[in-house]
């Protein structure tokens, strides 16, 4: 006898699969993180990404995700697939995707409480942005732009309310 929710679960998974695969851009799989084929290059090694960020004098955008996280898949399929987000990311930061289940020491060190979590870290090591949970494209662009502003003007960090630092 099958579980009464099995047909509903199957329909939900099919809907999600169709939503992710039916429209542009075409998806390419890079390790455990699916990115749009026209998206900026994503690192999968935090150390290498940090070195590139320092060499380019750009903030590091660290997207901490989990393969079993539904909101992570949604953020990958919508936010990071958004052309304006992809453009902003490629022009302003060095991006790395981290599997939080495999990198538990990093998760603890950065006090990650939920997946997905996006951290923006200035070249001097300051955390200048923290986006916990799913963030829609429009809000993500606004929040990333504000974090980039902080990397340029460190005095603004001190003037922000404590809960936003």
C-alpha atoms as a PDB file:
ATOM      1  CA  UNK A   1       0.000   0.000   0.000  1.00  0.00           C
ATOM      2  CA  UNK A   2       1.444   3.373  -0.957  1.00  0.00           C
ATOM      3  CA  UNK A   3       1.617   6.428   1.250  1.00  0.00           C
ATOM      4  CA  UNK A   4      -1.306   8.856   0.680  1.00  0.00           C
ATOM      5  CA  UNK A   5       1.037  11.803   0.010  1.00  0.00           C
ATOM      6  CA  UNK A   6       3.136   9.963  -2.608  1.00  0.00           C
ATOM      7  CA  UNK A   7       1.169  11.286  -5.650  1.00  0.00           C
ATOM      8  CA  UNK A   8       1.364  14.849  -4.293  1.00  0.00           C
ATOM      9  CA  UNK A   9       5.112  14.562  -3.712  1.00  0.00           C
ATOM     10  CA  UNK A  10       5.648  13.145  -7.212  1.00  0.00           C
ATOM     11  CA  UNK A  11       3.635  15.982  -8.767  1.00  0.00           C
ATOM     12  CA  UNK A  12       5.581  18.573  -6.759  1.00  0.00           C
ATOM     13  CA  UNK A  13       8.936  17.140  -7.819  1.00  0.00           C
ATOM     14  CA  UNK A  14       7.826  17.023 -11.460  1.00  0.00           C
ATOM     15  CA  UNK A  15       6.681  20.672 -11.276  1.00  0.00           C
ATOM     16  CA  UNK A  16      10.016  21.705  -9.787  1.00  0.00           C
ATOM     17  CA  UNK A  17      11.938  19.780 -12.454  1.00  0.00           C
ATOM     18  CA  UNK A  18       9.925  21.384 -15.244  1.00  0.00           C
ATOM     19  CA  UNK A  19      10.338  24.863 -13.759  1.00  0.00           C
ATOM     20  CA  UNK A  20      14.107  24.477 -13.581  1.00  0.00           C
ATOM     21  CA  UNK A  21      14.619  22.872 -16.992  1.00  0.00           C
ATOM     22  CA  UNK A  22      11.991  24.458 -19.209  1.00  0.00           C
ATOM     23  CA  UNK A  23      13.263  27.993 -19.653  1.00  0.00           C
ATOM     24  CA  UNK A  24      16.480  29.829 -20.345  1.00  0.00           C
ATOM     25  CA  UNK A  25      19.245  29.831 -19.434  1.00  0.00           C
ATOM     26  CA  UNK A  26      20.549  26.337 -20.129  1.00  0.00           C
ATOM     27  CA  UNK A  27      21.917  24.726 -16.963  1.00  0.00           C
ATOM     28  CA  UNK A  28      25.359  23.226 -16.604  1.00  0.00           C
ATOM     29  CA  UNK A  29      26.417  21.119 -13.638  1.00  0.00           C
ATOM     30  CA  UNK A  30      29.624  22.159 -11.863  1.00  0.00           C
ATOM     31  CA  UNK A  31      30.308  19.761  -8.993  1.00  0.00           C
ATOM     32  CA  UNK A  32      27.305  20.045  -6.653  1.00  0.00           C
ATOM     33  CA  UNK A  33      26.256  23.522  -7.731  1.00  0.00           C
ATOM     34  CA  UNK A  34      24.243  24.036 -10.911  1.00  0.00           C
ATOM     35  CA  UNK A  35      24.922  27.371 -12.576  1.00  0.00           C
ATOM     36  CA  UNK A  36      23.592  28.978 -15.710  1.00  0.00           C
ATOM     37  CA  UNK A  37      25.853  28.408 -18.701  1.00  0.00           C
ATOM     38  CA  UNK A  38      26.089  32.176 -19.226  1.00  0.00           C
ATOM     39  CA  UNK A  39      26.622  32.921 -15.513  1.00  0.00           C
ATOM     40  CA  UNK A  40      29.954  34.123 -14.142  1.00  0.00           C
ATOM     41  CA  UNK A  41      32.514  31.506 -13.211  1.00  0.00           C
ATOM     42  CA  UNK A  42      31.966  30.039  -9.751  1.00  0.00           C
ATOM     43  CA  UNK A  43      34.769  28.579  -7.715  1.00  0.00           C
ATOM     44  CA  UNK A  44      34.246  25.413  -5.721  1.00  0.00           C
ATOM     45  CA  UNK A  45      37.441  25.800  -3.670  1.00  0.00           C
ATOM     46  CA  UNK A  46      37.250  28.447  -0.929  1.00  0.00           C
ATOM     47  CA  UNK A  47      41.034  28.853  -0.629  1.00  0.00           C
ATOM     48  CA  UNK A  48      41.485  29.425  -4.359  1.00  0.00           C
ATOM     49  CA  UNK A  49      38.515  31.805  -4.448  1.00  0.00           C
ATOM     50  CA  UNK A  50      39.954  33.799  -1.527  1.00  0.00           C
ATOM     51  CA  UNK A  51      43.330  34.043  -3.297  1.00  0.00           C
ATOM     52  CA  UNK A  52      41.608  35.304  -6.460  1.00  0.00           C
ATOM     53  CA  UNK A  53      39.577  37.806  -4.424  1.00  0.00           C
ATOM     54  CA  UNK A  54      42.770  39.165  -2.844  1.00  0.00           C
ATOM     55  CA  UNK A  55      44.588  39.316  -6.181  1.00  0.00           C
ATOM     56  CA  UNK A  56      41.662  41.167  -7.781  1.00  0.00           C
ATOM     57  CA  UNK A  57      40.988  43.304  -4.683  1.00  0.00           C
ATOM     58  CA  UNK A  58      37.338  42.236  -4.760  1.00  0.00           C
ATOM     59  CA  UNK A  59      35.027  40.942  -2.062  1.00  0.00           C
ATOM     60  CA  UNK A  60      34.401  37.217  -1.820  1.00  0.00           C
ATOM     61  CA  UNK A  61      30.795  36.062  -2.238  1.00  0.00           C
ATOM     62  CA  UNK A  62      30.416  32.730  -0.459  1.00  0.00           C
ATOM     63  CA  UNK A  63      27.172  30.878  -1.218  1.00  0.00           C
ATOM     64  CA  UNK A  64      26.778  28.180   1.432  1.00  0.00           C
ATOM     65  CA  UNK A  65      24.267  25.614   0.296  1.00  0.00           C
ATOM     66  CA  UNK A  66      23.229  22.009   0.734  1.00  0.00           C
ATOM     67  CA  UNK A  67      22.160  19.436  -1.862  1.00  0.00           C
ATOM     68  CA  UNK A  68      19.094  18.548   0.234  1.00  0.00           C
ATOM     69  CA  UNK A  69      17.937  22.172   0.661  1.00  0.00           C
ATOM     70  CA  UNK A  70      14.840  23.150  -1.335  1.00  0.00           C
ATOM     71  CA  UNK A  71      15.339  26.881  -0.850  1.00  0.00           C
ATOM     72  CA  UNK A  72      18.957  26.492  -2.023  1.00  0.00           C
ATOM     73  CA  UNK A  73      17.742  24.923  -5.267  1.00  0.00           C
ATOM     74  CA  UNK A  74      15.180  27.706  -5.641  1.00  0.00           C
ATOM     75  CA  UNK A  75      17.827  30.392  -5.105  1.00  0.00           C
ATOM     76  CA  UNK A  76      20.150  28.713  -7.598  1.00  0.00           C
ATOM     77  CA  UNK A  77      17.355  28.408 -10.176  1.00  0.00           C
ATOM     78  CA  UNK A  78      15.974  31.941  -9.765  1.00  0.00           C
ATOM     79  CA  UNK A  79      18.348  34.360  -8.085  1.00  0.00           C
ATOM     80  CA  UNK A  80      21.698  33.216  -9.421  1.00  0.00           C
ATOM     81  CA  UNK A  81      20.148  32.513 -12.851  1.00  0.00           C
ATOM     82  CA  UNK A  82      18.889  36.110 -13.068  1.00  0.00           C
ATOM     83  CA  UNK A  83      20.910  37.921 -15.741  1.00  0.00           C
ATOM     84  CA  UNK A  84      21.201  41.132 -13.693  1.00  0.00           C
ATOM     85  CA  UNK A  85      22.398  39.173 -10.641  1.00  0.00           C
ATOM     86  CA  UNK A  86      24.897  37.259 -12.793  1.00  0.00           C
ATOM     87  CA  UNK A  87      26.196  40.513 -14.235  1.00  0.00           C
ATOM     88  CA  UNK A  88      26.542  42.162 -10.822  1.00  0.00           C
ATOM     89  CA  UNK A  89      28.308  39.094  -9.416  1.00  0.00           C
ATOM     90  CA  UNK A  90      30.756  38.843 -12.328  1.00  0.00           C
ATOM     91  CA  UNK A  91      31.561  42.567 -12.238  1.00  0.00           C
ATOM     92  CA  UNK A  92      32.000  43.033  -8.486  1.00  0.00           C
ATOM     93  CA  UNK A  93      32.951  39.876  -6.559  1.00  0.00           C
ATOM     94  CA  UNK A  94      34.716  36.544  -6.701  1.00  0.00           C
ATOM     95  CA  UNK A  95      32.063  33.859  -6.137  1.00  0.00           C
ATOM     96  CA  UNK A  96      32.404  30.462  -4.493  1.00  0.00           C
ATOM     97  CA  UNK A  97      29.735  27.840  -3.857  1.00  0.00           C
ATOM     98  CA  UNK A  98      30.227  25.753  -0.733  1.00  0.00           C
ATOM     99  CA  UNK A  99      28.477  22.519   0.203  1.00  0.00           C
ATOM    100  CA  UNK A 100      27.743  23.226   3.861  1.00  0.00           C
ATOM    101  CA  UNK A 101      27.258  19.544   4.649  1.00  0.00           C
ATOM    102  CA  UNK A 102      30.780  18.752   3.453  1.00  0.00           C
ATOM    103  CA  UNK A 103      32.385  21.915   4.879  1.00  0.00           C
ATOM    104  CA  UNK A 104      31.057  21.808   8.437  1.00  0.00           C
ATOM    105  CA  UNK A 105      34.129  23.493   9.943  1.00  0.00           C
ATOM    106  CA  UNK A 106      33.572  26.481   7.644  1.00  0.00           C
ATOM    107  CA  UNK A 107      29.859  26.519   8.578  1.00  0.00           C
ATOM    108  CA  UNK A 108      30.764  26.648  12.286  1.00  0.00           C
ATOM    109  CA  UNK A 109      33.492  29.266  11.790  1.00  0.00           C
ATOM    110  CA  UNK A 110      31.086  31.604   9.978  1.00  0.00           C
ATOM    111  CA  UNK A 111      28.171  30.873  12.347  1.00  0.00           C
ATOM    112  CA  UNK A 112      25.900  29.681   9.553  1.00  0.00           C
ATOM    113  CA  UNK A 113      22.492  28.864  11.015  1.00  0.00           C
ATOM    114  CA  UNK A 114      20.508  28.096   7.869  1.00  0.00           C
ATOM    115  CA  UNK A 115      20.885  27.063   4.251  1.00  0.00           C
ATOM    116  CA  UNK A 116      21.241  28.879   2.013  1.00  0.00           C
ATOM    117  CA  UNK A 117      23.454  31.548   3.505  1.00  0.00           C
ATOM    118  CA  UNK A 118      25.329  34.018   1.346  1.00  0.00           C
ATOM    119  CA  UNK A 119      28.286  35.814   2.894  1.00  0.00           C
ATOM    120  CA  UNK A 120      30.122  38.755   1.385  1.00  0.00           C
ATOM    121  CA  UNK A 121      33.622  39.179   2.772  1.00  0.00           C
ATOM    122  CA  UNK A 122      35.773  42.236   2.046  1.00  0.00           C
ATOM    123  CA  UNK A 123      39.417  41.739   1.015  1.00  0.00           C
ATOM    124  CA  UNK A 124      40.453  42.854   4.522  1.00  0.00           C
ATOM    125  CA  UNK A 125      38.463  39.936   6.002  1.00  0.00           C
ATOM    126  CA  UNK A 126      35.437  41.882   7.291  1.00  0.00           C
ATOM    127  CA  UNK A 127      32.029  40.316   6.774  1.00  0.00           C
ATOM    128  CA  UNK A 128      30.143  43.044   4.933  1.00  0.00           C
ATOM    129  CA  UNK A 129      27.054  41.088   3.954  1.00  0.00           C
ATOM    130  CA  UNK A 130      25.050  38.148   5.277  1.00  0.00           C
ATOM    131  CA  UNK A 131      21.909  36.972   3.522  1.00  0.00           C
ATOM    132  CA  UNK A 132      20.265  34.069   5.339  1.00  0.00           C
ATOM    133  CA  UNK A 133      17.671  31.989   3.548  1.00  0.00           C
ATOM    134  CA  UNK A 134      16.242  32.429   0.096  1.00  0.00           C
ATOM    135  CA  UNK A 135      16.668  35.933  -1.354  1.00  0.00           C
ATOM    136  CA  UNK A 136      14.764  36.880  -4.526  1.00  0.00           C
ATOM    137  CA  UNK A 137      16.752  38.417  -7.412  1.00  0.00           C
ATOM    138  CA  UNK A 138      15.647  42.031  -6.954  1.00  0.00           C
ATOM    139  CA  UNK A 139      16.360  42.026  -3.191  1.00  0.00           C
ATOM    140  CA  UNK A 140      19.632  40.153  -3.769  1.00  0.00           C
ATOM    141  CA  UNK A 141      20.857  42.808  -6.211  1.00  0.00           C
ATOM    142  CA  UNK A 142      19.990  45.566  -3.738  1.00  0.00           C
ATOM    143  CA  UNK A 143      21.666  43.804  -0.808  1.00  0.00           C
ATOM    144  CA  UNK A 144      24.787  42.852  -2.762  1.00  0.00           C
ATOM    145  CA  UNK A 145      25.172  46.426  -4.051  1.00  0.00           C
ATOM    146  CA  UNK A 146      24.923  47.705  -0.451  1.00  0.00           C
ATOM    147  CA  UNK A 147      27.575  45.221   0.664  1.00  0.00           C
ATOM    148  CA  UNK A 148      29.871  46.289  -2.182  1.00  0.00           C
ATOM    149  CA  UNK A 149      29.425  49.907  -1.047  1.00  0.00           C
ATOM    150  CA  UNK A 150      30.578  48.849   2.425  1.00  0.00           C
ATOM    151  CA  UNK A 151      33.707  47.260   1.002  1.00  0.00           C
ATOM    152  CA  UNK A 152      34.574  50.611  -0.539  1.00  0.00           C
ATOM    153  CA  UNK A 153      33.632  52.764   2.481  1.00  0.00           C
ATOM    154  CA  UNK A 154      34.477  50.994   5.778  1.00  0.00           C
ATOM    155  CA  UNK A 155      33.186  53.943   7.841  1.00  0.00           C
ATOM    156  CA  UNK A 156      29.644  52.991   6.827  1.00  0.00           C
ATOM    157  CA  UNK A 157      29.997  49.657   8.669  1.00  0.00           C
ATOM    158  CA  UNK A 158      30.433  51.402  12.012  1.00  0.00           C
ATOM    159  CA  UNK A 159      27.327  53.529  11.461  1.00  0.00           C
ATOM    160  CA  UNK A 160      25.028  50.580  10.681  1.00  0.00           C
ATOM    161  CA  UNK A 161      22.737  49.175  13.366  1.00  0.00           C
ATOM    162  CA  UNK A 162      24.374  46.272  15.205  1.00  0.00           C
ATOM    163  CA  UNK A 163      22.003  43.637  13.800  1.00  0.00           C
ATOM    164  CA  UNK A 164      23.040  44.598  10.242  1.00  0.00           C
ATOM    165  CA  UNK A 165      26.802  44.447  10.765  1.00  0.00           C
END
